[in-house]
N, C-alpha and C. Protein backbone atom coordinates (compact mmCIF):
# COMPACT_ATOMS: atom_id res chain seq x y z
N MET A 1 -22.87 -4.37 27.42
CA MET A 1 -23.13 -3.16 26.36
C MET A 1 -23.95 -3.76 25.24
N ASN A 2 -24.72 -2.41 25.00
CA ASN A 2 -25.98 -2.98 23.74
C ASN A 2 -25.31 -3.26 22.75
N ALA A 3 -25.99 -3.27 21.34
CA ALA A 3 -26.01 -3.47 20.38
C ALA A 3 -25.25 -2.54 19.69
N ILE A 4 -26.14 -1.08 20.20
CA ILE A 4 -25.79 0.26 19.48
C ILE A 4 -24.35 0.79 19.71
N GLU A 5 -23.91 0.62 21.12
CA GLU A 5 -22.55 0.72 21.59
C GLU A 5 -21.34 -0.33 21.02
N THR A 6 -22.15 -1.42 20.98
CA THR A 6 -21.10 -2.61 20.37
C THR A 6 -20.65 -2.06 18.90
N LEU A 7 -21.84 -1.71 17.85
CA LEU A 7 -21.27 -1.12 16.73
C LEU A 7 -20.34 -0.15 16.66
N VAL A 8 -20.85 0.94 17.38
CA VAL A 8 -20.18 2.09 17.64
C VAL A 8 -18.71 1.69 17.69
N GLY A 9 -18.40 0.90 19.05
CA GLY A 9 -17.37 0.39 19.18
C GLY A 9 -16.51 -0.13 18.15
N GLU A 10 -17.39 -0.79 17.59
CA GLU A 10 -16.39 -1.43 15.98
C GLU A 10 -15.98 -0.58 15.35
N PHE A 11 -16.75 0.41 14.79
CA PHE A 11 -16.62 1.22 14.02
C PHE A 11 -15.42 1.91 14.67
N GLY A 12 -15.25 2.54 15.48
CA GLY A 12 -14.25 3.22 16.30
C GLY A 12 -13.14 2.55 16.08
N ARG A 13 -12.84 1.07 16.10
CA ARG A 13 -11.70 0.41 15.80
C ARG A 13 -11.02 0.77 14.24
N LEU A 14 -11.75 1.36 13.21
CA LEU A 14 -11.16 1.67 12.17
C LEU A 14 -10.28 2.70 11.73
N PRO A 15 -9.50 2.74 10.98
CA PRO A 15 -8.44 3.79 10.95
C PRO A 15 -9.16 5.24 10.33
N GLY A 16 -8.80 5.86 11.01
CA GLY A 16 -9.37 7.41 10.56
C GLY A 16 -11.11 7.60 11.41
N ILE A 17 -11.44 6.48 11.98
CA ILE A 17 -12.71 6.88 12.44
C ILE A 17 -12.57 7.15 13.90
N GLY A 18 -13.33 7.99 14.34
CA GLY A 18 -13.33 8.64 15.48
C GLY A 18 -14.22 8.42 16.14
N ARG A 19 -14.84 8.73 17.32
CA ARG A 19 -16.02 8.25 18.05
C ARG A 19 -17.40 8.79 17.38
N LYS A 20 -17.35 10.11 16.99
CA LYS A 20 -18.49 11.16 16.37
C LYS A 20 -18.74 10.29 15.07
N THR A 21 -17.74 10.09 14.47
CA THR A 21 -18.07 9.48 12.70
C THR A 21 -18.61 8.04 13.16
N ALA A 22 -17.93 7.37 14.16
CA ALA A 22 -18.82 5.67 14.33
C ALA A 22 -19.79 5.79 14.93
N GLN A 23 -20.44 6.71 15.46
CA GLN A 23 -21.68 7.10 15.72
C GLN A 23 -22.36 7.46 14.69
N ARG A 24 -22.18 8.64 13.54
CA ARG A 24 -22.98 8.75 12.68
C ARG A 24 -23.23 7.53 11.78
N LEU A 25 -21.99 6.73 11.31
CA LEU A 25 -22.33 5.52 10.71
C LEU A 25 -23.44 4.48 11.53
N THR A 26 -23.26 3.90 12.68
CA THR A 26 -23.85 3.57 13.35
C THR A 26 -25.63 3.85 12.99
N TYR A 27 -25.90 5.38 13.24
CA TYR A 27 -27.16 5.87 12.95
C TYR A 27 -27.40 5.69 11.87
N TYR A 28 -26.62 5.80 11.19
CA TYR A 28 -26.92 6.26 9.60
C TYR A 28 -27.73 4.50 9.19
N LEU A 29 -26.68 3.47 9.72
CA LEU A 29 -27.11 2.33 9.19
C LEU A 29 -28.64 1.97 9.74
N LEU A 30 -29.18 2.35 11.20
CA LEU A 30 -29.86 2.28 11.83
C LEU A 30 -31.19 2.55 11.27
N LYS A 31 -31.06 3.72 10.35
CA LYS A 31 -31.94 4.63 9.83
C LYS A 31 -32.45 4.00 8.04
N ALA A 32 -31.12 3.00 7.64
CA ALA A 32 -31.33 2.54 6.61
C ALA A 32 -32.22 1.36 6.51
N SER A 33 -32.44 1.14 5.54
CA SER A 33 -33.68 -0.13 5.18
C SER A 33 -32.93 -1.43 5.55
N SER A 34 -33.46 -2.28 5.91
CA SER A 34 -32.90 -3.50 6.69
C SER A 34 -32.14 -4.31 5.31
N ASP A 35 -32.65 -4.12 4.12
CA ASP A 35 -31.99 -4.53 3.15
C ASP A 35 -30.46 -3.87 2.63
N ASP A 36 -30.28 -2.50 3.02
CA ASP A 36 -29.16 -1.99 2.68
C ASP A 36 -28.21 -2.56 3.88
N THR A 37 -28.72 -2.64 4.99
CA THR A 37 -28.03 -3.05 6.28
C THR A 37 -27.66 -4.46 6.05
N ARG A 38 -28.46 -5.47 5.37
CA ARG A 38 -28.14 -6.78 5.56
C ARG A 38 -27.01 -6.80 4.51
N ARG A 39 -26.86 -6.17 3.11
CA ARG A 39 -26.29 -6.06 2.19
C ARG A 39 -24.74 -5.61 2.57
N LEU A 40 -24.62 -4.57 3.35
CA LEU A 40 -23.26 -4.29 3.81
C LEU A 40 -22.69 -5.41 4.60
N ALA A 41 -23.64 -6.03 5.55
CA ALA A 41 -23.20 -7.29 6.60
C ALA A 41 -22.87 -8.67 5.33
N ARG A 42 -23.43 -8.69 4.10
CA ARG A 42 -23.21 -9.79 3.49
C ARG A 42 -21.98 -9.78 2.91
N ALA A 43 -21.73 -8.40 2.65
CA ALA A 43 -20.46 -7.62 2.03
C ALA A 43 -18.85 -7.98 2.70
N LEU A 44 -19.17 -7.56 4.08
CA LEU A 44 -18.48 -7.78 5.07
C LEU A 44 -17.98 -9.51 5.51
N ASP A 45 -19.01 -10.07 5.51
CA ASP A 45 -18.61 -11.64 5.62
C ASP A 45 -17.96 -12.18 4.20
N ARG A 46 -18.53 -11.63 3.14
CA ARG A 46 -17.99 -12.13 1.97
C ARG A 46 -16.34 -11.83 1.61
N VAL A 47 -15.87 -10.69 2.52
CA VAL A 47 -14.72 -10.35 2.42
C VAL A 47 -13.96 -11.12 3.15
N ALA A 48 -14.44 -11.16 4.31
CA ALA A 48 -13.80 -12.29 5.35
C ALA A 48 -13.45 -13.65 4.80
N ALA A 49 -14.45 -14.15 4.37
CA ALA A 49 -14.53 -15.51 3.64
C ALA A 49 -13.59 -15.71 2.59
N GLU A 50 -13.68 -14.82 1.79
CA GLU A 50 -13.05 -14.75 0.37
C GLU A 50 -11.75 -14.15 -0.06
N VAL A 51 -11.29 -13.20 0.66
CA VAL A 51 -10.08 -12.49 0.18
C VAL A 51 -9.00 -13.14 0.91
N LYS A 52 -7.64 -13.21 0.62
CA LYS A 52 -6.95 -14.03 0.89
C LYS A 52 -5.56 -13.11 0.29
N VAL A 53 -4.19 -13.68 0.82
CA VAL A 53 -2.98 -13.02 0.39
C VAL A 53 -2.42 -13.60 -1.00
N CYS A 54 -1.94 -12.89 -2.29
CA CYS A 54 -1.71 -13.60 -3.22
C CYS A 54 -0.29 -14.25 -2.90
N ALA A 55 -0.01 -15.46 -3.17
CA ALA A 55 0.97 -16.16 -2.77
C ALA A 55 2.43 -15.60 -3.49
N ALA A 56 2.31 -15.03 -4.56
CA ALA A 56 3.28 -14.37 -5.33
C ALA A 56 3.68 -13.35 -5.15
N CYS A 57 2.77 -12.23 -4.92
CA CYS A 57 3.26 -10.87 -4.41
C CYS A 57 2.89 -10.36 -2.77
N GLY A 58 1.80 -10.74 -2.33
CA GLY A 58 1.51 -10.15 -1.05
C GLY A 58 0.02 -9.31 -1.05
N ASN A 59 -0.65 -8.92 -2.40
CA ASN A 59 -1.59 -8.37 -2.59
C ASN A 59 -2.71 -9.35 -1.90
N LEU A 60 -3.74 -8.32 -1.56
CA LEU A 60 -4.92 -8.87 -1.22
C LEU A 60 -6.06 -9.41 -2.47
N THR A 61 -6.27 -10.40 -2.58
CA THR A 61 -6.83 -10.62 -3.84
C THR A 61 -8.13 -11.95 -3.15
N ASP A 62 -9.40 -11.97 -4.26
CA ASP A 62 -10.17 -13.24 -4.14
C ASP A 62 -9.82 -14.32 -5.03
N VAL A 63 -8.66 -14.23 -5.84
CA VAL A 63 -8.40 -15.00 -6.60
C VAL A 63 -6.65 -15.35 -6.47
N ASP A 64 -6.01 -16.37 -6.91
CA ASP A 64 -4.87 -16.67 -6.48
C ASP A 64 -3.97 -17.31 -7.89
N PRO A 65 -3.50 -16.96 -8.38
CA PRO A 65 -2.63 -15.40 -8.23
C PRO A 65 -3.58 -14.31 -8.15
N CYS A 66 -2.88 -13.15 -8.15
CA CYS A 66 -3.98 -12.27 -8.11
C CYS A 66 -3.98 -11.34 -9.33
N GLU A 67 -4.97 -10.51 -9.76
CA GLU A 67 -5.14 -10.07 -11.49
C GLU A 67 -3.99 -9.55 -11.77
N TYR A 68 -3.11 -9.12 -11.22
CA TYR A 68 -1.81 -8.32 -11.67
C TYR A 68 -0.65 -9.91 -12.12
N CYS A 69 -0.88 -10.61 -10.90
CA CYS A 69 0.46 -11.57 -11.56
C CYS A 69 0.09 -12.43 -12.18
N GLY A 70 -1.47 -12.72 -12.11
CA GLY A 70 -2.23 -13.51 -13.23
C GLY A 70 -2.32 -12.89 -14.71
N ASP A 71 -1.99 -11.47 -14.92
CA ASP A 71 -2.10 -11.14 -16.19
C ASP A 71 -1.13 -11.04 -17.06
N PRO A 72 -0.29 -11.96 -18.37
CA PRO A 72 0.24 -12.18 -19.26
C PRO A 72 0.94 -10.94 -19.93
N ARG A 73 0.22 -9.74 -19.71
CA ARG A 73 0.42 -8.54 -20.71
C ARG A 73 1.16 -7.66 -19.63
N ARG A 74 1.44 -7.78 -18.07
CA ARG A 74 2.33 -7.37 -17.39
C ARG A 74 3.73 -7.40 -17.75
N ASP A 75 4.97 -6.17 -17.56
CA ASP A 75 5.86 -6.62 -17.75
C ASP A 75 6.70 -7.28 -16.53
N ARG A 76 7.20 -8.85 -16.42
CA ARG A 76 7.89 -8.97 -15.38
C ARG A 76 8.90 -9.11 -15.24
N ARG A 77 9.57 -8.03 -15.96
CA ARG A 77 11.13 -7.23 -15.56
C ARG A 77 11.03 -5.96 -14.46
N GLN A 78 10.16 -5.89 -14.66
CA GLN A 78 9.57 -4.94 -13.73
C GLN A 78 8.90 -5.23 -12.38
N LEU A 79 9.40 -4.76 -11.08
CA LEU A 79 8.86 -5.09 -9.72
C LEU A 79 8.83 -3.92 -9.08
N CYS A 80 7.35 -3.13 -8.63
CA CYS A 80 7.21 -2.25 -7.88
C CYS A 80 7.25 -2.73 -6.32
N VAL A 81 7.65 -2.17 -5.54
CA VAL A 81 7.50 -2.76 -3.94
C VAL A 81 6.81 -1.63 -3.44
N VAL A 82 5.91 -2.18 -2.82
CA VAL A 82 4.75 -1.08 -1.88
C VAL A 82 4.66 -1.54 -0.70
N GLU A 83 4.37 -0.71 0.44
CA GLU A 83 4.41 -1.18 1.80
C GLU A 83 3.34 -1.63 2.08
N GLU A 84 2.00 -1.41 1.59
CA GLU A 84 0.53 -2.13 1.54
C GLU A 84 -0.07 -2.55 0.47
N ALA A 85 -1.04 -3.65 0.18
CA ALA A 85 -1.90 -3.78 -0.58
C ALA A 85 -2.80 -2.28 -1.30
N SER A 86 -3.16 -1.51 -0.30
CA SER A 86 -3.94 -0.04 -0.60
C SER A 86 -3.20 0.68 -1.51
N ASP A 87 -1.93 0.45 -1.67
CA ASP A 87 -1.02 1.41 -2.30
C ASP A 87 -1.25 1.25 -3.58
N ILE A 88 -1.53 0.02 -4.20
CA ILE A 88 -1.79 -0.40 -5.55
C ILE A 88 -2.34 0.40 -6.38
N PRO A 89 -3.94 0.41 -6.12
CA PRO A 89 -4.38 1.14 -6.70
C PRO A 89 -4.37 2.52 -7.13
N ALA A 90 -3.82 3.43 -6.64
CA ALA A 90 -3.50 4.62 -6.64
C ALA A 90 -2.32 4.61 -7.90
N ILE A 91 -1.39 3.49 -7.61
CA ILE A 91 -0.22 3.66 -8.87
C ILE A 91 -0.84 3.20 -10.42
N GLU A 92 -1.88 2.25 -10.25
CA GLU A 92 -2.52 1.35 -11.36
C GLU A 92 -3.74 2.72 -11.78
N LYS A 93 -3.97 3.60 -10.98
CA LYS A 93 -5.02 4.89 -11.31
C LYS A 93 -4.00 5.91 -12.38
N SER A 94 -2.85 5.80 -12.14
CA SER A 94 -1.98 6.62 -13.04
C SER A 94 -1.93 6.57 -14.46
N GLY A 95 -1.92 5.04 -14.72
CA GLY A 95 -1.89 4.27 -15.90
C GLY A 95 -0.68 4.42 -16.64
N ASN A 96 0.47 4.90 -15.48
CA ASN A 96 1.80 4.95 -16.19
C ASN A 96 2.59 3.84 -15.81
N TYR A 97 2.17 2.74 -15.28
CA TYR A 97 3.17 1.50 -15.05
C TYR A 97 2.47 0.20 -15.21
N GLY A 98 2.85 -0.79 -15.86
CA GLY A 98 2.68 -1.85 -16.17
C GLY A 98 3.36 -3.22 -15.87
N GLY A 99 4.47 -2.90 -14.96
CA GLY A 99 4.90 -4.11 -14.58
C GLY A 99 4.07 -4.78 -13.03
N LEU A 100 4.86 -5.96 -12.54
CA LEU A 100 4.30 -6.35 -11.24
C LEU A 100 4.36 -5.59 -10.05
N TYR A 101 3.77 -5.96 -8.69
CA TYR A 101 3.88 -5.82 -7.91
C TYR A 101 4.38 -6.33 -6.60
N HIS A 102 4.71 -6.01 -5.91
CA HIS A 102 5.23 -6.72 -4.43
C HIS A 102 5.08 -6.08 -3.19
N VAL A 103 4.17 -6.25 -2.21
CA VAL A 103 3.42 -5.80 -0.93
C VAL A 103 4.19 -6.26 0.00
N LEU A 104 4.67 -5.35 0.82
CA LEU A 104 5.70 -5.62 2.16
C LEU A 104 5.25 -6.26 3.08
N GLY A 105 3.84 -5.52 3.21
CA GLY A 105 2.78 -5.79 4.28
C GLY A 105 3.32 -4.64 5.57
N GLY A 106 4.33 -3.71 5.32
CA GLY A 106 4.02 -2.65 6.43
C GLY A 106 5.28 -1.94 6.25
N ARG A 107 5.97 -1.17 6.90
CA ARG A 107 7.53 -0.57 6.57
C ARG A 107 7.85 -0.81 8.14
N LEU A 108 9.54 -0.53 8.04
CA LEU A 108 10.17 -0.68 9.12
C LEU A 108 9.68 0.39 10.23
N SER A 109 9.21 0.23 11.50
CA SER A 109 9.24 1.14 12.51
C SER A 109 9.57 0.34 13.80
N PRO A 110 11.10 0.50 14.07
CA PRO A 110 11.33 0.07 15.41
C PRO A 110 10.56 0.76 16.42
N LEU A 111 10.16 2.09 16.84
CA LEU A 111 9.20 2.18 17.63
C LEU A 111 7.96 1.40 18.05
N ASP A 112 7.65 0.84 16.76
CA ASP A 112 6.35 0.04 16.70
C ASP A 112 6.72 -1.18 16.72
N GLY A 113 8.05 -1.61 16.69
CA GLY A 113 8.50 -3.04 16.72
C GLY A 113 8.37 -3.75 15.78
N VAL A 114 8.65 -2.73 14.58
CA VAL A 114 8.70 -3.57 13.07
C VAL A 114 9.84 -3.57 12.61
N GLY A 115 10.43 -4.84 12.65
CA GLY A 115 12.07 -4.96 11.98
C GLY A 115 11.86 -5.86 10.81
N PRO A 116 12.76 -5.73 9.94
CA PRO A 116 12.88 -6.66 8.75
C PRO A 116 12.35 -7.89 8.69
N ASP A 117 12.43 -8.39 9.64
CA ASP A 117 11.92 -10.02 9.73
C ASP A 117 10.41 -10.10 9.70
N ASP A 118 9.42 -8.71 10.12
CA ASP A 118 8.01 -8.62 9.88
C ASP A 118 7.86 -8.55 8.71
N LEU A 119 8.69 -7.94 7.66
CA LEU A 119 8.00 -7.74 6.29
C LEU A 119 8.43 -8.63 5.23
N ASN A 120 7.66 -8.67 3.97
CA ASN A 120 7.73 -9.71 3.24
C ASN A 120 9.01 -9.88 2.15
N LEU A 121 10.10 -9.90 3.42
CA LEU A 121 11.48 -9.72 2.08
C LEU A 121 11.84 -10.65 1.79
N HIS A 122 11.62 -11.72 2.09
CA HIS A 122 11.89 -13.53 1.90
C HIS A 122 11.55 -13.55 0.23
N GLY A 123 10.13 -13.24 0.28
CA GLY A 123 9.23 -13.25 -1.02
C GLY A 123 10.25 -12.13 -2.01
N LEU A 124 10.49 -11.06 -1.89
CA LEU A 124 10.98 -10.58 -2.49
C LEU A 124 12.07 -10.79 -3.16
N LEU A 125 12.96 -11.49 -2.20
CA LEU A 125 14.16 -11.67 -2.88
C LEU A 125 14.15 -12.96 -3.98
N GLY A 126 13.22 -14.01 -3.51
CA GLY A 126 12.75 -15.09 -4.52
C GLY A 126 12.23 -14.37 -5.64
N ARG A 127 11.62 -13.64 -5.95
CA ARG A 127 11.07 -13.17 -7.18
C ARG A 127 12.09 -12.39 -7.60
N ILE A 128 13.12 -11.71 -7.12
CA ILE A 128 14.16 -10.97 -7.73
C ILE A 128 15.21 -11.89 -8.41
N ALA A 129 15.33 -13.09 -7.76
CA ALA A 129 16.24 -14.27 -8.73
C ALA A 129 15.52 -14.87 -9.79
N GLU A 130 14.06 -14.97 -9.77
CA GLU A 130 13.67 -15.08 -10.79
C GLU A 130 13.87 -14.39 -12.50
N GLY A 131 14.57 -13.18 -12.18
CA GLY A 131 14.59 -12.57 -13.30
C GLY A 131 14.14 -11.25 -13.35
N VAL A 132 14.10 -10.56 -12.64
CA VAL A 132 13.87 -8.78 -12.57
C VAL A 132 14.81 -8.41 -12.88
N ASP A 133 14.75 -7.14 -13.81
CA ASP A 133 15.98 -6.37 -14.33
C ASP A 133 15.30 -5.15 -13.42
N GLU A 134 14.39 -4.45 -13.07
CA GLU A 134 14.17 -3.11 -12.24
C GLU A 134 13.46 -3.39 -11.05
N VAL A 135 13.95 -3.21 -9.40
CA VAL A 135 13.13 -2.69 -8.61
C VAL A 135 12.69 -1.24 -8.18
N ILE A 136 11.22 -0.95 -8.44
CA ILE A 136 11.41 0.30 -8.09
C ILE A 136 10.66 0.65 -6.59
N ILE A 137 11.08 1.09 -5.95
CA ILE A 137 10.70 1.27 -4.34
C ILE A 137 9.97 2.41 -4.28
N ALA A 138 8.81 2.02 -4.11
CA ALA A 138 7.69 3.00 -3.86
C ALA A 138 6.91 3.22 -2.66
N THR A 139 8.09 2.86 -1.26
CA THR A 139 7.01 2.99 -0.39
C THR A 139 6.79 4.80 0.27
N ASN A 140 5.98 4.91 1.14
CA ASN A 140 5.49 6.37 1.43
C ASN A 140 6.95 7.35 1.97
N PRO A 141 6.60 8.73 1.34
CA PRO A 141 7.61 9.95 1.73
C PRO A 141 7.64 9.89 3.29
N SER A 142 7.53 9.11 4.41
CA SER A 142 7.56 9.42 5.66
C SER A 142 8.64 9.00 6.28
N VAL A 143 8.99 9.03 7.28
CA VAL A 143 10.36 8.65 7.94
C VAL A 143 10.51 7.27 8.08
N GLU A 144 9.30 6.63 8.54
CA GLU A 144 9.32 4.71 8.00
C GLU A 144 9.41 4.71 6.81
N GLY A 145 8.98 5.05 5.99
CA GLY A 145 9.16 4.93 4.33
C GLY A 145 10.36 5.17 4.07
N GLU A 146 11.31 5.84 4.09
CA GLU A 146 12.33 6.36 3.85
C GLU A 146 13.22 5.36 4.31
N ALA A 147 13.06 5.10 5.72
CA ALA A 147 14.17 3.99 6.26
C ALA A 147 13.93 2.50 5.42
N THR A 148 12.53 2.36 5.07
CA THR A 148 12.32 1.14 4.45
C THR A 148 12.85 1.06 3.52
N ALA A 149 13.03 2.23 2.37
CA ALA A 149 13.69 2.57 1.12
C ALA A 149 15.00 2.03 1.06
N THR A 150 15.68 2.81 2.47
CA THR A 150 17.16 2.94 2.33
C THR A 150 17.64 1.25 2.59
N TYR A 151 16.94 0.61 3.47
CA TYR A 151 17.12 -0.65 4.08
C TYR A 151 17.07 -1.51 2.74
N LEU A 152 16.14 -1.56 1.99
CA LEU A 152 15.90 -2.19 0.88
C LEU A 152 16.95 -2.05 -0.07
N HIS A 153 17.50 -0.39 -0.41
CA HIS A 153 18.14 -0.53 -1.36
C HIS A 153 20.12 -1.10 -0.63
N ARG A 154 20.05 -1.03 0.47
CA ARG A 154 21.15 -1.95 0.75
C ARG A 154 21.13 -3.21 0.54
N LEU A 155 19.91 -3.86 0.89
CA LEU A 155 19.74 -5.31 0.89
C LEU A 155 19.82 -5.81 -0.72
N LEU A 156 19.31 -5.20 -1.33
CA LEU A 156 19.17 -5.38 -2.56
C LEU A 156 20.60 -4.80 -3.50
N GLY A 157 20.90 -4.21 -3.28
CA GLY A 157 22.36 -3.32 -4.07
C GLY A 157 23.04 -4.58 -3.44
N SER A 158 23.27 -5.44 -2.48
CA SER A 158 24.24 -6.27 -2.31
C SER A 158 24.17 -7.54 -2.98
N SER A 159 23.17 -7.69 -2.82
CA SER A 159 22.56 -9.08 -3.32
C SER A 159 22.25 -9.20 -4.63
N SER A 160 22.23 -8.32 -5.95
CA SER A 160 22.18 -8.65 -7.02
C SER A 160 22.57 -7.84 -7.98
N ASP A 161 22.40 -8.02 -9.38
CA ASP A 161 22.66 -6.89 -10.36
C ASP A 161 21.23 -6.46 -10.96
N VAL A 162 20.25 -6.31 -10.09
CA VAL A 162 19.02 -5.59 -10.52
C VAL A 162 19.51 -4.13 -10.39
N THR A 163 18.61 -3.14 -11.24
CA THR A 163 18.62 -1.90 -11.20
C THR A 163 17.44 -1.31 -10.03
N ILE A 164 18.03 -0.45 -8.96
CA ILE A 164 17.09 -0.18 -8.16
C ILE A 164 16.78 1.17 -8.49
N THR A 165 15.43 1.67 -8.27
CA THR A 165 14.90 2.99 -8.33
C THR A 165 13.70 2.98 -7.56
N ARG A 166 14.13 4.80 -7.31
CA ARG A 166 13.03 4.88 -6.33
C ARG A 166 12.19 5.95 -6.74
N LEU A 167 10.91 5.92 -6.56
CA LEU A 167 9.88 6.99 -7.27
C LEU A 167 10.08 8.54 -6.86
N ALA A 168 10.25 9.44 -7.86
CA ALA A 168 10.56 11.04 -7.47
C ALA A 168 9.54 11.61 -6.38
N ARG A 169 9.82 12.34 -6.03
CA ARG A 169 9.21 13.05 -5.19
C ARG A 169 9.43 14.91 -5.02
N GLY A 170 8.44 15.15 -5.07
CA GLY A 170 8.67 16.99 -5.01
C GLY A 170 7.23 17.22 -4.99
N LEU A 171 7.07 18.56 -5.59
CA LEU A 171 5.41 18.98 -5.64
C LEU A 171 4.47 18.56 -6.36
N PRO A 172 3.54 18.28 -5.85
CA PRO A 172 2.16 17.82 -6.57
C PRO A 172 1.60 18.96 -7.83
N VAL A 173 1.10 18.15 -8.54
CA VAL A 173 0.37 18.89 -9.76
C VAL A 173 -0.78 19.90 -8.99
N GLY A 174 -0.60 21.15 -8.82
CA GLY A 174 -1.96 22.29 -8.82
C GLY A 174 -1.12 22.48 -7.64
N GLY A 175 -0.04 22.24 -6.97
CA GLY A 175 0.37 22.87 -5.45
C GLY A 175 0.74 24.01 -5.46
N ASP A 176 0.76 24.95 -4.77
CA ASP A 176 1.31 26.10 -4.41
C ASP A 176 2.49 26.14 -3.89
N LEU A 177 3.47 26.78 -4.15
CA LEU A 177 4.86 26.57 -3.05
C LEU A 177 4.75 27.24 -1.93
N GLU A 178 4.31 28.15 -1.82
CA GLU A 178 3.72 28.69 -0.22
C GLU A 178 3.25 27.91 0.46
N TYR A 179 2.32 26.80 0.03
CA TYR A 179 1.98 25.96 1.25
C TYR A 179 3.25 24.88 1.08
N ALA A 180 4.06 24.71 0.52
CA ALA A 180 4.60 23.34 0.47
C ALA A 180 5.56 23.50 1.80
N ASP A 181 6.40 22.27 2.47
CA ASP A 181 7.27 22.54 3.76
C ASP A 181 8.43 22.13 2.78
N GLY A 182 9.38 22.64 3.61
CA GLY A 182 10.67 22.57 3.31
C GLY A 182 11.37 21.29 2.68
N VAL A 183 11.17 20.11 3.20
CA VAL A 183 11.86 19.07 2.88
C VAL A 183 10.83 18.62 1.08
N THR A 184 9.66 18.81 1.23
CA THR A 184 9.18 18.56 -0.33
C THR A 184 9.68 19.33 -1.61
N ILE A 185 10.24 21.09 -0.67
CA ILE A 185 10.88 21.55 -1.83
C ILE A 185 12.27 21.35 -2.36
N ALA A 186 13.05 21.08 -1.09
CA ALA A 186 14.26 20.53 -1.13
C ALA A 186 14.16 19.28 -2.36
N GLN A 187 13.29 18.49 -2.18
CA GLN A 187 13.11 17.07 -2.87
C GLN A 187 12.70 17.55 -4.34
N ALA A 188 11.86 18.46 -4.42
CA ALA A 188 11.51 18.94 -5.97
C ALA A 188 13.07 19.28 -6.56
N PHE A 189 13.86 20.18 -5.93
CA PHE A 189 14.83 21.03 -6.43
C PHE A 189 15.96 19.91 -6.62
N SER A 190 15.98 18.68 -5.98
CA SER A 190 16.99 17.72 -6.41
C SER A 190 16.21 17.10 -7.35
N GLY A 191 15.06 16.64 -7.24
CA GLY A 191 14.82 16.14 -8.83
C GLY A 191 14.45 16.72 -10.02
N ARG A 192 15.32 18.08 -9.82
CA ARG A 192 14.83 18.82 -11.04
C ARG A 192 14.80 18.28 -12.48
N ARG A 193 14.75 18.57 -13.53
CA ARG A 193 15.21 17.89 -14.86
C ARG A 193 15.12 18.99 -16.01
N GLU A 194 15.85 18.67 -16.79
CA GLU A 194 15.74 19.93 -18.07
C GLU A 194 14.61 19.91 -18.88
N MET A 195 14.08 20.91 -19.11
CA MET A 195 12.85 21.15 -19.94
C MET A 195 13.69 21.20 -21.30
């Protein structure tokens, strides 16, 4: 296989990148300056060499503990449980959460062979034992995310006095009712509150 096809193949292995997009990225890099291409290669090498998993929460970081676990201003009594490290920036962008995180490293998915032993649950139980008051389950609103949330609720509800909450679900700001699916509307109704 030639160098171009090799790079197309590597880009094609990335999530959400099909063959056409992989080709576009490859040809873009071939037209770019060699400085741009080398800068990208150095960034990839640096990520591979320096990024590791935070020993405390499971976040991806180049310092251990990560920026959240190492920040003394964060509320150590709140623990937000997410599926992947990539979920943390979305929560941080909201500006509404100042506690700590715990990354499961996936979600329960029996069809894909992912069970409880494949998730970072042991670390979660250890952190709760250190004095957490509230665990916020922030798994995705997918079938697997809901199964994971239910499993966590059962696991944590039977083993501690911690308050367990789930992120609210419903209609997004700016969304139109006519385009929302039935499950989203049902969740919006069940999560309604007094004005």
